[in-house]
């Protein structure tokens, strides 16, 4: 699968496996929207992905809150366009 130019959501994308996956997707040319609960970790992850040359959007989101999930997806779609791939990594 060619990720170049694809719009990808990665939940739990600020650390651990989620961040590793986001980095790999960034290296393959994906445009990313990541979410996590910790705003400081998100800012660090977003900066890391941007340094790699990726277009990255980071949104604070607790996936147990349906309203926040809807907001995250709306922001991702607004900033990236239609979502091509979902990596549902968050526990």
N, C-alpha and C. Protein backbone atom coordinates (compact mmCIF):
# COMPACT_ATOMS: atom_id res chain seq x y z
N UNK A 1 0.85 -1.17 0.00
CA UNK A 1 0.00 0.00 0.00
C UNK A 1 0.89 1.23 0.00
N UNK A 2 0.60 2.17 -0.86
CA UNK A 2 1.39 3.40 -0.98
C UNK A 2 0.75 4.47 -0.10
N UNK A 3 1.46 4.91 0.92
CA UNK A 3 0.92 5.90 1.85
C UNK A 3 1.19 7.34 1.41
N UNK A 4 1.96 7.52 0.34
CA UNK A 4 2.26 8.89 -0.12
C UNK A 4 0.97 9.66 -0.39
N UNK A 5 0.85 10.79 0.31
CA UNK A 5 -0.31 11.66 0.10
C UNK A 5 -1.60 11.17 0.73
N UNK A 6 -1.56 10.03 1.40
CA UNK A 6 -2.77 9.52 2.06
C UNK A 6 -2.97 10.22 3.39
N UNK A 7 -4.22 10.41 3.76
CA UNK A 7 -4.59 11.04 5.03
C UNK A 7 -4.87 9.95 6.05
N UNK A 8 -4.07 9.97 7.12
CA UNK A 8 -4.09 8.87 8.09
C UNK A 8 -4.34 9.40 9.49
N UNK A 9 -5.27 8.79 10.19
CA UNK A 9 -5.52 9.05 11.60
C UNK A 9 -4.81 7.97 12.41
N UNK A 10 -4.07 8.39 13.44
CA UNK A 10 -3.43 7.44 14.37
C UNK A 10 -3.88 7.82 15.78
N UNK A 11 -4.67 6.95 16.40
CA UNK A 11 -5.07 7.20 17.77
C UNK A 11 -3.93 6.77 18.68
N UNK A 12 -3.79 7.45 19.81
CA UNK A 12 -2.69 7.15 20.72
C UNK A 12 -1.35 7.42 20.06
N UNK A 13 -1.28 8.48 19.26
CA UNK A 13 -0.11 8.74 18.43
C UNK A 13 0.98 9.58 19.06
N UNK A 14 0.91 9.84 20.35
CA UNK A 14 1.90 10.73 20.95
C UNK A 14 3.09 10.02 21.57
N UNK A 15 3.00 8.68 21.73
CA UNK A 15 4.11 7.94 22.35
C UNK A 15 3.95 6.46 22.03
N UNK A 16 4.95 5.70 22.40
CA UNK A 16 4.90 4.25 22.25
C UNK A 16 4.65 3.80 20.83
N UNK A 17 3.91 2.72 20.69
CA UNK A 17 3.64 2.13 19.38
C UNK A 17 2.96 3.12 18.44
N UNK A 18 2.04 3.93 18.96
CA UNK A 18 1.36 4.90 18.11
C UNK A 18 2.31 5.89 17.48
N UNK A 19 3.27 6.38 18.25
CA UNK A 19 4.24 7.33 17.71
C UNK A 19 5.18 6.64 16.73
N UNK A 20 5.58 5.42 17.03
CA UNK A 20 6.43 4.66 16.10
C UNK A 20 5.71 4.49 14.77
N UNK A 21 4.45 4.11 14.82
CA UNK A 21 3.66 3.94 13.59
C UNK A 21 3.52 5.27 12.85
N UNK A 22 3.24 6.35 13.59
CA UNK A 22 3.11 7.66 12.96
C UNK A 22 4.42 8.07 12.28
N UNK A 23 5.55 7.82 12.92
CA UNK A 23 6.85 8.13 12.30
C UNK A 23 7.05 7.33 11.02
N UNK A 24 6.72 6.05 11.05
CA UNK A 24 6.89 5.23 9.86
C UNK A 24 5.98 5.72 8.73
N UNK A 25 4.76 6.08 9.08
CA UNK A 25 3.83 6.61 8.08
C UNK A 25 4.33 7.94 7.53
N UNK A 26 4.86 8.78 8.41
CA UNK A 26 5.43 10.07 7.97
C UNK A 26 6.57 9.82 6.98
N UNK A 27 7.42 8.87 7.29
CA UNK A 27 8.55 8.56 6.42
C UNK A 27 8.08 8.04 5.06
N UNK A 28 6.88 7.49 5.01
CA UNK A 28 6.32 6.98 3.76
C UNK A 28 5.47 8.02 3.04
N UNK A 29 5.42 9.26 3.59
CA UNK A 29 4.74 10.34 2.90
C UNK A 29 3.29 10.58 3.27
N UNK A 30 2.82 9.94 4.34
CA UNK A 30 1.43 10.14 4.76
C UNK A 30 1.25 11.50 5.41
N UNK A 31 0.05 12.02 5.32
CA UNK A 31 -0.37 13.22 6.05
C UNK A 31 -1.10 12.70 7.28
N UNK A 32 -0.76 13.21 8.46
CA UNK A 32 -1.19 12.58 9.69
C UNK A 32 -2.06 13.45 10.58
N UNK A 33 -3.00 12.81 11.23
CA UNK A 33 -3.72 13.39 12.36
C UNK A 33 -3.53 12.42 13.51
N UNK A 34 -2.96 12.91 14.60
CA UNK A 34 -2.75 12.06 15.76
C UNK A 34 -3.56 12.61 16.93
N UNK A 35 -3.92 11.73 17.83
CA UNK A 35 -4.62 12.17 19.04
C UNK A 35 -4.08 11.40 20.23
N UNK A 36 -4.23 12.02 21.39
CA UNK A 36 -3.88 11.41 22.67
C UNK A 36 -4.44 12.32 23.75
N UNK A 37 -4.33 11.89 25.00
CA UNK A 37 -4.90 12.66 26.10
C UNK A 37 -3.97 13.72 26.64
N UNK A 38 -2.67 13.56 26.48
CA UNK A 38 -1.70 14.47 27.09
C UNK A 38 -1.26 15.55 26.10
N UNK A 39 -1.64 16.81 26.33
CA UNK A 39 -1.31 17.87 25.37
C UNK A 39 0.18 18.12 25.20
N UNK A 40 0.96 17.97 26.26
CA UNK A 40 2.40 18.19 26.16
C UNK A 40 3.05 17.11 25.29
N UNK A 41 2.66 15.86 25.51
CA UNK A 41 3.19 14.78 24.69
C UNK A 41 2.77 14.94 23.23
N UNK A 42 1.54 15.39 23.01
CA UNK A 42 1.06 15.62 21.65
C UNK A 42 1.89 16.68 20.95
N UNK A 43 2.17 17.77 21.64
CA UNK A 43 2.97 18.85 21.04
C UNK A 43 4.36 18.35 20.66
N UNK A 44 4.95 17.55 21.52
CA UNK A 44 6.27 17.00 21.24
C UNK A 44 6.22 16.06 20.03
N UNK A 45 5.21 15.21 19.98
CA UNK A 45 5.06 14.27 18.87
C UNK A 45 4.80 15.02 17.56
N UNK A 46 3.95 16.02 17.61
CA UNK A 46 3.66 16.80 16.40
C UNK A 46 4.94 17.47 15.87
N UNK A 47 5.73 18.04 16.77
CA UNK A 47 6.99 18.68 16.37
C UNK A 47 7.94 17.64 15.76
N UNK A 48 8.00 16.47 16.36
CA UNK A 48 8.85 15.39 15.84
C UNK A 48 8.44 15.00 14.43
N UNK A 49 7.15 14.83 14.21
CA UNK A 49 6.66 14.43 12.90
C UNK A 49 6.90 15.54 11.87
N UNK A 50 6.72 16.77 12.28
CA UNK A 50 6.94 17.90 11.38
C UNK A 50 8.42 17.98 10.98
N UNK A 51 9.31 17.76 11.94
CA UNK A 51 10.75 17.74 11.63
C UNK A 51 11.08 16.66 10.60
N UNK A 52 10.31 15.59 10.58
CA UNK A 52 10.52 14.53 9.61
C UNK A 52 9.97 14.90 8.24
N UNK A 53 9.36 16.08 8.14
CA UNK A 53 8.82 16.53 6.87
C UNK A 53 7.35 16.21 6.66
N UNK A 54 6.70 15.66 7.66
CA UNK A 54 5.30 15.29 7.54
C UNK A 54 4.39 16.48 7.81
N UNK A 55 3.23 16.46 7.20
CA UNK A 55 2.16 17.36 7.60
C UNK A 55 1.43 16.63 8.71
N UNK A 56 1.43 17.22 9.91
CA UNK A 56 0.85 16.54 11.06
C UNK A 56 -0.07 17.48 11.83
N UNK A 57 -1.19 16.94 12.25
CA UNK A 57 -2.17 17.64 13.08
C UNK A 57 -2.30 16.85 14.36
N UNK A 58 -2.19 17.52 15.50
CA UNK A 58 -2.32 16.85 16.79
C UNK A 58 -3.50 17.44 17.55
N UNK A 59 -4.36 16.56 18.05
CA UNK A 59 -5.57 17.00 18.75
C UNK A 59 -5.69 16.22 20.06
N UNK A 60 -5.84 16.95 21.15
CA UNK A 60 -6.08 16.30 22.43
C UNK A 60 -7.44 15.62 22.38
N UNK A 61 -7.48 14.35 22.77
CA UNK A 61 -8.74 13.62 22.67
C UNK A 61 -8.71 12.40 23.59
N UNK A 62 -9.74 12.28 24.41
CA UNK A 62 -9.96 11.09 25.21
C UNK A 62 -10.99 10.25 24.46
N UNK A 63 -10.57 9.11 23.97
CA UNK A 63 -11.44 8.29 23.12
C UNK A 63 -12.63 7.68 23.85
N UNK A 64 -12.69 7.84 25.16
CA UNK A 64 -13.88 7.37 25.88
C UNK A 64 -15.00 8.39 25.83
N UNK A 65 -14.73 9.57 25.27
CA UNK A 65 -15.73 10.64 25.17
C UNK A 65 -16.15 10.78 23.71
N UNK A 66 -17.35 10.28 23.35
CA UNK A 66 -17.79 10.32 21.95
C UNK A 66 -17.80 11.72 21.33
N UNK A 67 -18.10 12.72 22.11
CA UNK A 67 -18.11 14.08 21.57
C UNK A 67 -16.70 14.52 21.18
N UNK A 68 -15.71 14.16 21.99
CA UNK A 68 -14.31 14.50 21.67
C UNK A 68 -13.83 13.73 20.44
N UNK A 69 -14.25 12.49 20.30
CA UNK A 69 -13.89 11.70 19.13
C UNK A 69 -14.45 12.35 17.87
N UNK A 70 -15.72 12.75 17.93
CA UNK A 70 -16.34 13.41 16.78
C UNK A 70 -15.60 14.70 16.44
N UNK A 71 -15.21 15.44 17.46
CA UNK A 71 -14.46 16.68 17.24
C UNK A 71 -13.10 16.39 16.60
N UNK A 72 -12.41 15.38 17.10
CA UNK A 72 -11.11 15.01 16.54
C UNK A 72 -11.23 14.66 15.06
N UNK A 73 -12.20 13.82 14.73
CA UNK A 73 -12.37 13.41 13.33
C UNK A 73 -12.73 14.62 12.47
N UNK A 74 -13.57 15.50 12.99
CA UNK A 74 -13.94 16.70 12.23
C UNK A 74 -12.72 17.59 11.96
N UNK A 75 -11.88 17.77 12.98
CA UNK A 75 -10.66 18.57 12.81
C UNK A 75 -9.73 17.89 11.81
N UNK A 76 -9.58 16.59 11.92
CA UNK A 76 -8.71 15.85 11.00
C UNK A 76 -9.20 16.02 9.56
N UNK A 77 -10.49 15.87 9.35
CA UNK A 77 -11.05 16.01 8.00
C UNK A 77 -10.93 17.43 7.49
N UNK A 78 -11.11 18.39 8.37
CA UNK A 78 -10.99 19.79 7.97
C UNK A 78 -9.56 20.12 7.55
N UNK A 79 -8.58 19.63 8.30
CA UNK A 79 -7.18 19.96 8.05
C UNK A 79 -6.55 19.08 6.97
N UNK A 80 -6.98 17.81 6.87
CA UNK A 80 -6.37 16.88 5.93
C UNK A 80 -7.20 16.63 4.69
N UNK A 81 -8.51 16.62 4.84
CA UNK A 81 -9.39 16.17 3.78
C UNK A 81 -9.94 14.80 4.16
N UNK A 82 -10.52 14.11 3.19
CA UNK A 82 -11.08 12.79 3.49
C UNK A 82 -10.02 11.85 4.07
N UNK A 83 -10.43 11.07 5.05
CA UNK A 83 -9.51 10.15 5.73
C UNK A 83 -9.42 8.85 4.92
N UNK A 84 -8.18 8.43 4.62
CA UNK A 84 -7.95 7.22 3.85
C UNK A 84 -7.70 6.01 4.73
N UNK A 85 -7.04 6.23 5.89
CA UNK A 85 -6.62 5.11 6.73
C UNK A 85 -6.81 5.49 8.20
N UNK A 86 -7.31 4.54 8.99
CA UNK A 86 -7.41 4.68 10.43
C UNK A 86 -6.53 3.64 11.08
N UNK A 87 -5.59 4.10 11.94
CA UNK A 87 -4.80 3.19 12.75
C UNK A 87 -5.31 3.39 14.17
N UNK A 88 -6.14 2.45 14.61
CA UNK A 88 -6.79 2.57 15.91
C UNK A 88 -5.89 1.89 16.96
N UNK A 89 -4.92 2.64 17.43
CA UNK A 89 -3.89 2.12 18.32
C UNK A 89 -4.23 2.31 19.79
N UNK A 90 -4.99 3.32 20.13
CA UNK A 90 -5.26 3.64 21.54
C UNK A 90 -6.02 2.50 22.21
N UNK A 91 -5.67 2.25 23.47
CA UNK A 91 -6.29 1.18 24.23
C UNK A 91 -7.69 1.50 24.59
